[in-house]
Protein backbone atom coordinates (compact mmCIF):
# COMPACT_ATOMS: atom_id res chain seq x y z
CA UNK A 1 110.79 62.24 77.24
CA UNK A 2 108.37 62.26 80.14
CA UNK A 3 111.15 62.00 82.55
CA UNK A 4 112.65 65.53 81.54
CA UNK A 5 109.48 67.16 81.36
CA UNK A 6 108.93 66.04 84.49
CA UNK A 7 112.30 66.95 86.07
CA UNK A 8 111.87 70.08 84.12
CA UNK A 9 108.87 70.64 85.78
CA UNK A 10 109.82 70.27 88.89
CA UNK A 11 113.27 72.60 88.31
CA UNK A 12 110.57 75.33 87.45
CA UNK A 13 108.17 74.98 90.87
CA UNK A 14 111.13 74.86 93.11
CA UNK A 15 112.97 77.86 91.91
CA UNK A 16 110.59 79.39 92.55
CA UNK A 17 109.74 77.92 95.84
CA UNK A 18 113.29 79.21 96.90
CA UNK A 19 113.25 79.82 100.60
CA UNK A 20 116.48 81.45 101.29
CA UNK A 21 117.44 84.92 99.17
CA UNK A 22 120.76 86.79 99.13
CA UNK A 23 120.48 89.96 99.54
CA UNK A 24 121.70 93.82 98.77
CA UNK A 25 122.10 96.65 100.74
CA UNK A 26 122.94 99.53 98.62
CA UNK A 27 124.75 102.60 101.08
CA UNK A 28 122.89 106.04 100.37
CA UNK A 29 124.08 108.38 102.64
CA UNK A 30 127.53 105.93 102.45
CA UNK A 31 129.98 104.09 100.49
CA UNK A 32 129.32 100.41 99.98
CA UNK A 33 127.49 97.10 99.64
CA UNK A 34 126.08 95.27 102.11
CA UNK A 35 125.33 91.28 101.86
CA UNK A 36 122.59 89.25 103.58
CA UNK A 37 120.23 86.90 103.96
CA UNK A 38 116.28 86.89 103.96
CA UNK A 39 115.18 83.39 104.95
CA UNK A 40 111.74 83.15 104.37
CA UNK A 41 111.65 79.43 106.42
CA UNK A 42 112.99 80.71 109.80
CA UNK A 43 111.82 84.23 109.05
CA UNK A 44 115.20 85.80 110.12
CA UNK A 45 117.39 88.54 108.12
CA UNK A 46 120.84 88.27 108.50
CA UNK A 47 123.42 91.66 107.35
CA UNK A 48 126.89 91.12 107.55
CA UNK A 49 128.39 95.07 108.08
CA UNK A 50 131.61 96.49 106.15
CA UNK A 51 133.78 95.31 109.23
CA UNK A 52 132.52 92.05 109.29
CA UNK A 53 129.58 92.93 112.37
CA UNK A 54 126.70 90.37 112.43
CA UNK A 55 123.56 91.09 112.78
CA UNK A 56 120.87 89.16 113.08
CA UNK A 57 116.80 89.44 113.38
CA UNK A 58 113.03 87.96 113.00
CA UNK A 59 110.82 89.52 110.25
CA UNK A 60 107.17 90.01 110.92
CA UNK A 61 104.86 89.90 107.56
CA UNK A 62 102.00 92.14 106.89
CA UNK A 63 99.78 90.64 104.41
CA UNK A 64 97.16 93.35 102.18
CA UNK A 65 94.21 91.19 102.94
CA UNK A 66 92.72 91.71 99.42
CA UNK A 67 88.93 92.58 98.24
CA UNK A 68 85.73 91.14 97.57
CA UNK A 69 83.25 92.14 95.32
CA UNK A 70 79.85 91.22 93.92
CA UNK A 71 77.36 92.67 91.76
CA UNK A 72 73.94 91.30 90.79
CA UNK A 73 71.58 92.31 88.14
CA UNK A 74 67.55 91.02 87.57
CA UNK A 75 65.06 92.51 85.05
CA UNK A 76 61.66 91.15 83.55
CA UNK A 77 60.50 91.37 80.16
CA UNK A 78 56.71 91.06 78.66
CA UNK A 79 55.47 91.56 75.70
CA UNK A 80 51.62 91.57 73.64
CA UNK A 81 50.31 88.97 71.39
CA UNK A 82 52.88 89.03 68.98
CA UNK A 83 55.59 89.13 71.40
CA UNK A 84 57.71 86.98 73.48
CA UNK A 85 58.02 87.62 77.57
CA UNK A 86 60.99 86.52 79.96
CA UNK A 87 62.72 87.13 82.45
CA UNK A 88 66.73 87.60 82.70
CA UNK A 89 69.56 88.12 85.63
CA UNK A 90 73.50 87.75 85.80
CA UNK A 91 75.45 87.39 88.94
CA UNK A 92 79.09 88.07 89.30
CA UNK A 93 82.02 87.98 91.52
CA UNK A 94 85.17 89.08 91.35
CA UNK A 95 88.22 88.40 94.27
CA UNK A 96 91.39 90.21 94.55
CA UNK A 97 94.37 88.61 96.29
CA UNK A 98 97.48 90.98 97.30
CA UNK A 99 100.45 89.80 95.45
CA UNK A 100 103.29 91.40 97.77
CA UNK A 101 103.39 91.55 101.48
CA UNK A 102 105.60 94.20 103.66
CA UNK A 103 108.31 92.59 106.09
CA UNK A 104 109.82 94.46 109.21
CA UNK A 105 112.73 93.65 110.90
CA UNK A 106 114.92 94.44 113.83
CA UNK A 107 118.27 93.46 113.45
CA UNK A 108 120.94 93.14 116.23
CA UNK A 109 124.53 92.70 117.46
CA UNK A 110 125.52 90.19 119.70
CA UNK A 111 129.08 91.96 120.02
CA UNK A 112 128.01 95.88 120.00
CA UNK A 113 124.67 98.28 120.84
CA UNK A 114 124.75 98.83 116.75
CA UNK A 115 121.02 97.78 115.40
CA UNK A 116 119.10 98.07 111.68
CA UNK A 117 115.32 98.47 111.01
CA UNK A 118 114.67 96.79 107.51
CA UNK A 119 111.58 97.85 105.53
CA UNK A 120 110.81 95.27 102.56
CA UNK A 121 108.30 94.50 100.05
CA UNK A 122 107.88 91.31 98.55
CA UNK A 123 106.50 90.11 95.61
CA UNK A 124 104.54 87.16 96.43
CA UNK A 125 104.82 85.38 92.86
CA UNK A 126 108.52 86.21 91.83
CA UNK A 127 109.67 87.11 95.43
CA UNK A 128 111.69 89.96 94.10
CA UNK A 129 111.93 92.17 96.65
CA UNK A 130 113.23 96.20 97.83
CA UNK A 131 113.03 97.78 100.77
CA UNK A 132 114.97 100.10 102.92
CA UNK A 133 117.50 99.61 105.85
CA UNK A 134 118.63 102.09 108.48
CA UNK A 135 120.75 101.76 111.16
CA UNK A 136 121.07 103.24 114.59
CA UNK A 137 124.18 105.16 113.78
CA UNK A 138 122.34 106.95 111.06
CA UNK A 139 123.45 105.13 107.84
CA UNK A 140 120.70 104.11 105.30
CA UNK A 141 121.03 101.71 102.69
CA UNK A 142 118.44 100.56 100.10
CA UNK A 143 117.60 96.96 99.55
CA UNK A 144 117.30 95.03 95.77
CA UNK A 145 116.90 91.11 95.92
């Protein structure tokens, strides 16, 4: 039973740590759906155009820095003969780390002057994402993965 549980937990953890994601680029001002791969390990995006042409390029990542907040409360109370005196205080802290990052890629072709600019927002925990791609000849695609 222990081995089955360990295997199940391992599969769950590995599934959330996939380094390559299939992406679909859905034509916004044209018909058709393009297929691509978003590779987190090598930081590369690859897209296959309708005619089979391959566009490829590195991406840059821009993560939110998050925020840190602090709070403080201090007080004092005193009393007379039948009352007690004392003090109170407290300190609080909150840390907020962003769960999403933005990715930017400029893809080029080795066989033509075609280029594609991609901007993606990626959820760090679920690895789901969305964004937009534009080619230098005016085609626009919406991205989901």
